[in-house]
Protein backbone atom coordinates (compact mmCIF):
# COMPACT_ATOMS: atom_id res chain seq x y z
CA MET A 1 -2.75 -31.89 27.89
CA VAL A 2 -5.75 -31.88 25.60
CA THR A 3 -5.12 -33.47 22.20
CA ILE A 4 -6.91 -33.46 18.87
CA ASN A 5 -8.16 -36.97 19.72
CA ASP A 6 -9.80 -35.61 22.90
CA ILE A 7 -11.57 -32.89 20.92
CA ALA A 8 -12.78 -35.44 18.37
CA LYS A 9 -14.21 -37.68 21.11
CA LYS A 10 -15.97 -34.83 22.89
CA ALA A 11 -17.45 -33.56 19.62
CA LYS A 12 -18.30 -37.13 18.51
CA VAL A 13 -16.60 -36.63 15.16
CA SER A 14 -13.53 -38.08 13.52
CA LYS A 15 -10.02 -36.74 14.02
CA SER A 16 -9.92 -35.79 10.34
CA THR A 17 -13.04 -33.65 10.79
CA VAL A 18 -11.39 -31.73 13.63
CA SER A 19 -8.33 -31.29 11.44
CA LYS A 20 -10.48 -29.89 8.64
CA VAL A 21 -12.03 -27.38 11.04
CA ILE A 22 -8.62 -26.33 12.35
CA ASN A 23 -7.28 -25.78 8.84
CA ASN A 24 -10.50 -24.19 7.55
CA TYR A 25 -10.98 -26.85 4.87
CA SER A 26 -14.28 -27.37 3.08
CA GLY A 27 -16.48 -30.43 3.56
CA VAL A 28 -17.57 -29.70 7.13
CA GLY A 29 -21.11 -28.47 7.88
CA ASP A 30 -21.58 -25.19 9.71
CA ASP A 31 -23.21 -26.83 12.73
CA THR A 32 -20.38 -29.35 13.07
CA LYS A 33 -17.75 -26.65 12.63
CA GLU A 34 -19.40 -24.48 15.28
CA LYS A 35 -19.59 -27.44 17.70
CA VAL A 36 -15.93 -28.36 17.24
CA LEU A 37 -14.77 -24.75 17.67
CA LYS A 38 -16.91 -24.41 20.82
CA ILE A 39 -15.38 -27.54 22.35
CA MET A 40 -11.87 -26.38 21.41
CA LYS A 41 -12.50 -23.08 23.16
CA GLU A 42 -14.04 -24.73 26.25
CA ASN A 43 -11.00 -26.99 26.56
CA ASN A 44 -8.50 -24.23 25.80
CA TYR A 45 -7.17 -26.26 22.87
CA TRP A 46 -5.14 -24.53 20.18
CA PRO A 47 -3.29 -26.54 17.53
CA ASN A 48 0.47 -26.65 17.71
CA SER A 49 1.77 -24.44 14.90
CA VAL A 50 4.63 -26.81 14.03
CA ALA A 51 2.32 -29.82 13.82
CA ARG A 52 -0.15 -27.78 11.82
CA SER A 53 2.49 -26.73 9.29
CA LEU A 54 3.65 -30.33 8.90
CA SER A 55 0.14 -31.51 8.10
CA THR A 56 -0.81 -28.63 5.80
CA LYS A 57 2.64 -27.86 4.33
CA LYS A 58 1.97 -24.24 5.33
CA SER A 59 3.58 -22.03 7.97
CA TYR A 60 0.59 -19.68 8.10
CA THR A 61 3.06 -16.81 8.08
CA ILE A 62 3.16 -13.98 5.53
CA GLY A 63 6.31 -11.93 5.02
CA ILE A 64 6.18 -8.15 4.70
CA PHE A 65 8.97 -6.10 3.10
CA GLY A 66 8.97 -2.33 2.97
CA PRO A 67 11.31 0.53 3.91
CA GLN A 68 10.30 2.10 7.23
CA ILE A 69 6.67 0.99 6.99
CA LEU A 70 5.82 1.83 10.58
CA ASN A 71 7.24 5.36 10.21
CA ASN A 72 5.28 6.01 7.02
CA PHE A 73 1.82 7.61 7.36
CA PHE A 74 0.58 5.98 4.16
CA PHE A 75 1.85 2.42 4.65
CA ARG A 76 0.77 2.26 8.29
CA GLU A 77 -2.83 2.32 7.05
CA VAL A 78 -2.05 -0.19 4.27
CA PHE A 79 -0.58 -2.47 6.93
CA GLU A 80 -3.83 -2.19 8.89
CA GLY A 81 -5.72 -3.60 5.90
CA ILE A 82 -3.23 -6.46 5.51
CA GLU A 83 -3.52 -7.33 9.19
CA ALA A 84 -7.33 -7.36 9.06
CA VAL A 85 -7.54 -9.92 6.22
CA MET A 86 -4.58 -12.10 7.17
CA GLY A 87 -5.54 -12.20 10.84
CA ASP A 88 -9.07 -13.28 9.91
CA LYS A 89 -7.61 -16.12 7.83
CA GLY A 90 -5.35 -17.32 10.63
CA TYR A 91 -2.06 -15.96 9.30
CA ASP A 92 0.65 -14.19 11.26
CA LEU A 93 2.74 -11.40 9.75
CA LEU A 94 6.52 -11.29 9.75
CA TYR A 95 8.09 -7.88 9.09
CA PHE A 96 11.48 -8.28 7.45
CA THR A 97 14.28 -5.75 7.80
CA ASN A 98 15.99 -4.63 4.59
CA LYS A 99 19.50 -5.15 5.92
CA GLN A 100 21.68 -8.17 5.17
CA TRP A 101 22.76 -10.23 8.15
CA ASP A 102 26.34 -9.91 6.92
CA GLU A 103 27.66 -7.71 4.12
CA SER A 104 29.62 -10.68 2.74
CA TRP A 105 26.37 -12.61 2.12
CA VAL A 106 25.83 -11.09 -1.31
CA ASP A 107 23.50 -13.91 -2.36
CA TYR A 108 21.22 -13.51 0.65
CA SER A 109 18.32 -11.86 -1.17
CA TYR A 110 14.58 -11.40 -0.60
CA LYS A 111 14.08 -14.96 -1.88
CA GLU A 112 16.53 -16.45 0.61
CA LYS A 113 15.01 -14.49 3.49
CA CYS A 114 11.56 -15.82 2.62
CA GLU A 115 12.85 -19.39 2.34
CA ASN A 116 14.79 -19.12 5.57
CA ARG A 117 11.68 -18.02 7.46
CA ASN A 118 9.44 -20.46 5.56
CA VAL A 119 6.76 -17.88 4.77
CA ASP A 120 3.79 -18.90 2.64
CA GLY A 121 3.93 -15.68 0.64
CA VAL A 122 5.21 -12.13 0.74
CA ILE A 123 3.83 -8.60 0.27
CA MET A 124 6.24 -5.94 -0.99
CA MET A 125 5.49 -2.25 -0.54
CA GLY A 126 7.32 1.05 -0.87
CA TYR A 127 9.56 0.06 -3.78
CA GLY A 128 10.07 1.56 -7.23
CA LYS A 129 11.36 0.46 -10.61
CA VAL A 130 14.88 1.32 -9.41
CA ASN A 131 14.65 -1.74 -7.14
CA ILE A 132 13.50 -4.27 -9.77
CA ALA A 133 16.92 -5.92 -10.22
CA GLN A 134 16.90 -6.80 -6.51
CA PHE A 135 13.70 -8.79 -6.96
CA ASP A 136 14.95 -11.03 -9.77
CA ARG A 137 15.56 -14.13 -7.62
CA LEU A 138 12.23 -13.72 -5.85
CA LEU A 139 10.28 -13.35 -9.10
CA LYS A 140 11.89 -16.48 -10.56
CA SER A 141 11.07 -18.53 -7.46
CA GLU A 142 7.86 -20.33 -6.53
CA ILE A 143 7.23 -17.99 -3.61
CA PRO A 144 3.85 -16.23 -4.01
CA SER A 145 4.34 -12.47 -3.97
CA VAL A 146 2.22 -9.33 -4.32
CA PHE A 147 3.63 -5.86 -4.90
CA ILE A 148 1.85 -2.70 -3.84
CA ASP A 149 2.34 0.21 -6.28
CA LEU A 150 4.88 -1.61 -8.45
CA ASP A 151 3.49 -3.30 -11.56
CA LEU A 152 5.32 -6.65 -11.58
CA VAL A 153 3.60 -9.83 -12.76
CA GLY A 154 4.71 -13.43 -13.12
CA SER A 155 3.73 -17.03 -12.57
CA ASN A 156 3.49 -16.40 -8.81
CA THR A 157 3.46 -12.61 -8.75
CA SER A 158 0.88 -9.85 -9.17
CA TYR A 159 0.26 -6.32 -7.92
CA VAL A 160 -2.24 -3.88 -6.45
CA THR A 161 -2.26 -0.14 -6.98
CA SER A 162 -4.57 2.87 -7.06
CA ASP A 163 -5.62 4.68 -10.21
CA ASN A 164 -2.87 7.27 -9.83
CA THR A 165 -3.16 8.53 -13.41
CA GLY A 166 -6.91 9.03 -13.15
CA GLY A 167 -6.52 10.61 -9.72
CA ALA A 168 -4.04 13.18 -11.04
CA ARG A 169 -6.46 14.04 -13.84
CA LYS A 170 -9.17 14.64 -11.22
CA ALA A 171 -6.88 17.03 -9.36
CA VAL A 172 -6.08 19.14 -12.42
CA GLU A 173 -9.69 19.11 -13.61
CA TYR A 174 -10.86 20.32 -10.20
CA LEU A 175 -8.32 23.17 -10.16
CA ALA A 176 -9.27 24.13 -13.73
CA LYS A 177 -12.94 24.16 -12.72
CA LEU A 178 -12.01 26.71 -10.04
CA GLY A 179 -10.42 28.88 -12.73
CA HIS A 180 -6.76 27.95 -12.26
CA LYS A 181 -4.70 27.84 -15.44
CA LYS A 182 -1.15 28.00 -14.04
CA ILE A 183 -0.62 24.81 -12.07
CA ALA A 184 2.68 23.64 -10.57
CA MET A 185 3.44 20.02 -9.67
CA ILE A 186 5.87 18.79 -7.03
CA ARG A 187 6.53 15.09 -7.65
CA GLY A 188 7.81 12.35 -5.40
CA LEU A 189 10.71 10.03 -6.14
CA ASN A 190 11.75 9.47 -9.74
CA GLY A 191 11.57 5.82 -10.79
CA PHE A 192 8.50 5.11 -8.69
CA LYS A 193 5.31 4.03 -10.43
CA VAL A 194 3.06 6.34 -8.42
CA SER A 195 5.14 9.42 -9.29
CA THR A 196 5.29 8.49 -12.97
CA ASP A 197 1.58 7.69 -13.22
CA ARG A 198 0.56 10.92 -11.50
CA PHE A 199 2.79 12.98 -13.77
CA VAL A 200 1.26 11.25 -16.79
CA GLY A 201 -2.24 12.07 -15.53
CA PHE A 202 -1.19 15.66 -14.84
CA GLN A 203 0.15 16.03 -18.39
CA GLN A 204 -2.94 14.43 -19.90
CA SER A 205 -5.26 16.92 -18.21
CA ILE A 206 -3.03 19.92 -18.96
CA LYS A 207 -3.13 18.96 -22.64
CA ALA A 208 -6.84 18.08 -22.73
CA LEU A 209 -7.82 21.36 -21.04
CA ASN A 210 -5.39 23.40 -23.13
CA LEU A 211 -3.62 24.77 -20.04
CA PRO A 212 -0.08 26.20 -20.16
CA TYR A 213 2.76 23.83 -19.25
CA ASN A 214 5.86 25.43 -17.74
CA SER A 215 8.85 23.21 -16.94
CA LYS A 216 9.90 25.75 -14.28
CA TRP A 217 6.76 24.78 -12.36
CA MET A 218 7.78 21.09 -12.24
CA PHE A 219 9.83 19.83 -9.29
CA ASP A 220 11.17 16.41 -8.21
CA GLY A 221 12.10 15.25 -4.74
CA ASP A 222 11.02 12.57 -2.33
CA TYR A 223 7.81 11.95 -0.42
CA SER A 224 8.59 14.36 2.40
CA MET A 225 7.46 17.70 3.80
CA GLU A 226 11.00 18.99 3.25
CA THR A 227 10.65 18.42 -0.51
CA GLY A 228 7.47 20.49 -0.50
CA TYR A 229 9.02 23.19 1.66
CA GLN A 230 12.17 23.63 -0.44
CA SER A 231 10.33 23.36 -3.78
CA MET A 232 7.78 25.97 -2.73
CA LYS A 233 10.54 28.36 -1.70
CA LYS A 234 11.87 28.07 -5.26
CA ILE A 235 8.39 28.69 -6.68
CA LEU A 236 8.07 31.82 -4.56
CA ARG A 237 11.20 33.21 -6.24
CA LEU A 238 9.93 32.65 -9.78
CA GLU A 239 9.12 35.63 -11.94
CA GLU A 240 6.04 33.95 -13.40
CA GLN A 241 4.01 32.43 -10.61
CA PRO A 242 1.56 29.51 -10.69
CA THR A 243 -1.70 29.98 -8.81
CA ALA A 244 -2.07 26.35 -7.66
CA ILE A 245 0.19 23.55 -6.44
CA PHE A 246 -0.42 19.82 -6.91
CA ALA A 247 1.59 17.35 -4.81
CA GLU A 248 1.37 14.31 -2.51
CA ASP A 249 -0.10 15.17 0.90
CA LEU A 250 3.17 15.35 2.86
CA ILE A 251 4.80 17.41 0.10
CA ALA A 252 1.73 19.67 0.00
CA ILE A 253 1.98 20.26 3.75
CA GLY A 254 5.62 21.30 3.35
CA ALA A 255 4.59 23.70 0.58
CA ILE A 256 1.91 25.22 2.83
CA LYS A 257 4.55 25.83 5.51
CA ALA A 258 6.75 27.74 3.05
CA ILE A 259 3.78 29.80 1.83
CA ARG A 260 2.87 30.80 5.37
CA GLU A 261 6.47 31.62 6.28
CA ALA A 262 6.50 34.03 3.33
CA GLY A 263 3.60 35.90 4.90
CA LEU A 264 1.11 34.51 2.38
CA ASN A 265 -1.98 32.38 2.83
CA VAL A 266 -3.63 29.22 1.53
CA PRO A 267 -5.95 29.33 -0.35
CA GLU A 268 -6.07 33.14 -0.70
CA ASP A 269 -2.67 33.42 -2.41
CA TYR A 270 -2.09 29.82 -3.56
CA SER A 271 -4.44 26.88 -3.87
CA VAL A 272 -2.91 23.56 -2.82
CA ILE A 273 -4.25 20.10 -3.62
CA GLY A 274 -2.76 16.86 -2.33
CA PHE A 275 -2.87 13.18 -3.18
CA ASP A 276 -3.26 10.27 -0.70
CA SER A 277 -5.56 11.57 2.07
CA ILE A 278 -3.24 10.52 4.88
CA GLU A 279 -4.25 11.23 8.47
CA VAL A 280 -1.91 14.19 9.00
CA GLY A 281 -3.32 15.92 5.90
CA ARG A 282 -6.79 15.83 7.42
CA HIS A 283 -5.57 18.05 10.25
CA TYR A 284 -4.72 20.68 7.61
CA HIS A 285 -8.18 20.34 6.04
CA LEU A 286 -6.31 19.57 2.83
CA THR A 287 -8.18 19.23 -0.43
CA THR A 288 -6.85 15.94 -1.77
CA ILE A 289 -7.27 12.95 -4.04
CA ALA A 290 -8.00 10.09 -1.67
CA GLN A 291 -6.68 6.58 -1.94
CA ASP A 292 -8.17 3.74 0.06
CA GLN A 293 -5.06 2.72 1.99
CA ILE A 294 -6.79 0.08 4.09
CA GLY A 295 -8.46 -1.17 0.90
CA LEU A 296 -5.05 -1.51 -0.76
CA GLY A 297 -3.87 -3.68 2.11
CA LYS A 298 -6.99 -5.83 2.02
CA ALA A 299 -6.85 -6.21 -1.77
CA ALA A 300 -3.15 -7.16 -1.65
CA SER A 301 -3.88 -9.77 1.02
CA LYS A 302 -6.79 -11.35 -0.86
CA LEU A 303 -4.73 -11.37 -4.05
CA LEU A 304 -1.84 -13.11 -2.29
CA LEU A 305 -4.16 -15.72 -0.80
CA ASN A 306 -5.48 -16.40 -4.30
CA ILE A 307 -1.94 -16.98 -5.55
CA ILE A 308 -1.21 -19.29 -2.59
CA ASP A 309 -4.41 -21.23 -3.31
CA GLN A 310 -3.59 -21.25 -7.05
CA LYS A 311 -6.66 -19.23 -7.99
CA SER A 312 -6.98 -16.37 -10.49
CA PHE A 313 -4.81 -13.40 -9.55
CA SER A 314 -5.07 -10.59 -12.08
CA PRO A 315 -3.67 -7.18 -11.01
CA ILE A 316 -6.04 -4.90 -9.12
CA ILE A 317 -6.41 -1.14 -9.63
CA LEU A 318 -8.49 0.67 -7.02
CA PRO A 319 -10.36 3.92 -7.75
CA THR A 320 -9.56 7.30 -6.19
CA ARG A 321 -11.91 10.11 -5.19
CA LEU A 322 -11.74 13.86 -4.68
CA ILE A 323 -12.12 15.16 -1.13
CA ILE A 324 -12.78 18.88 -1.00
CA GLY A 325 -11.13 20.57 1.97
CA GLU A 326 -10.17 24.18 2.67
CA THR A 327 -6.94 24.62 0.67
CA CYS A 328 -8.34 25.46 -2.78
CA ARG A 329 -10.43 28.41 -3.90
CA GLU A 330 -12.06 29.76 -7.01
CA ILE A 331 -10.25 32.58 -8.83
């Protein structure tokens, strides 16, 4: 079996130099690093993860928490960004389930799960303000953590989000530019930062553009097509009708289904604008406010690595942009 001593001898460097290359430490020239890595590859040598963690005090594992991430169009792309950065830095990802091992283990929280698996840090996604109490033990610990779309900060905690308020303003401003004055909004889950921020942006633009606000055109639900479908059916029964609908992409798709079932068309009878630019929305040629999902994952990863390395870690807010599709028209 090839050892670190064998690699050092073949490369004609010290054992500590090989160790620095393995752990990506500074103080090793590019030529030396390239030579050591080449010899490691030629000799099929890969450092033992247990020995590596003992020497560096790191497990090189990042925990991921999030409800049904792999079944969520949005977070699947965020996960892709996380994987790209963490994989490049030599980290593995551990996806935690949200269930307790035993219902009697009331003190087995996010913090204990992270400690039990010895992760170097954790990324939390898909949670709202309604979940904050559950994070108390984690936030008070020394475990580095980054939240996506939940604005929590602390001595070892920061967050990444998109400019949801500004994005919502863009949506309303675009509809107003097309001549729409009566705009309905179907929101996602109450208590979630993204829903609140988008509603704030919606209200800001309605007020700034002097457009009518009708509470009967405002609907709450979850981030599903069913929410859009059922909410749109209610809109279709209203005496005073909006001419445009603003909602997250999946909700918007559900609304389009209800419109078509009623024998009406998009955008001829209703204009529909989404928010997120998820893959399924692109198949509908949906006009939408795009987030950079992969960028969110990459930004969260880099932020977490900064916390782990005790560098600056201010919150990050990424811009959004309007993508014009085929679901809005001028009136």
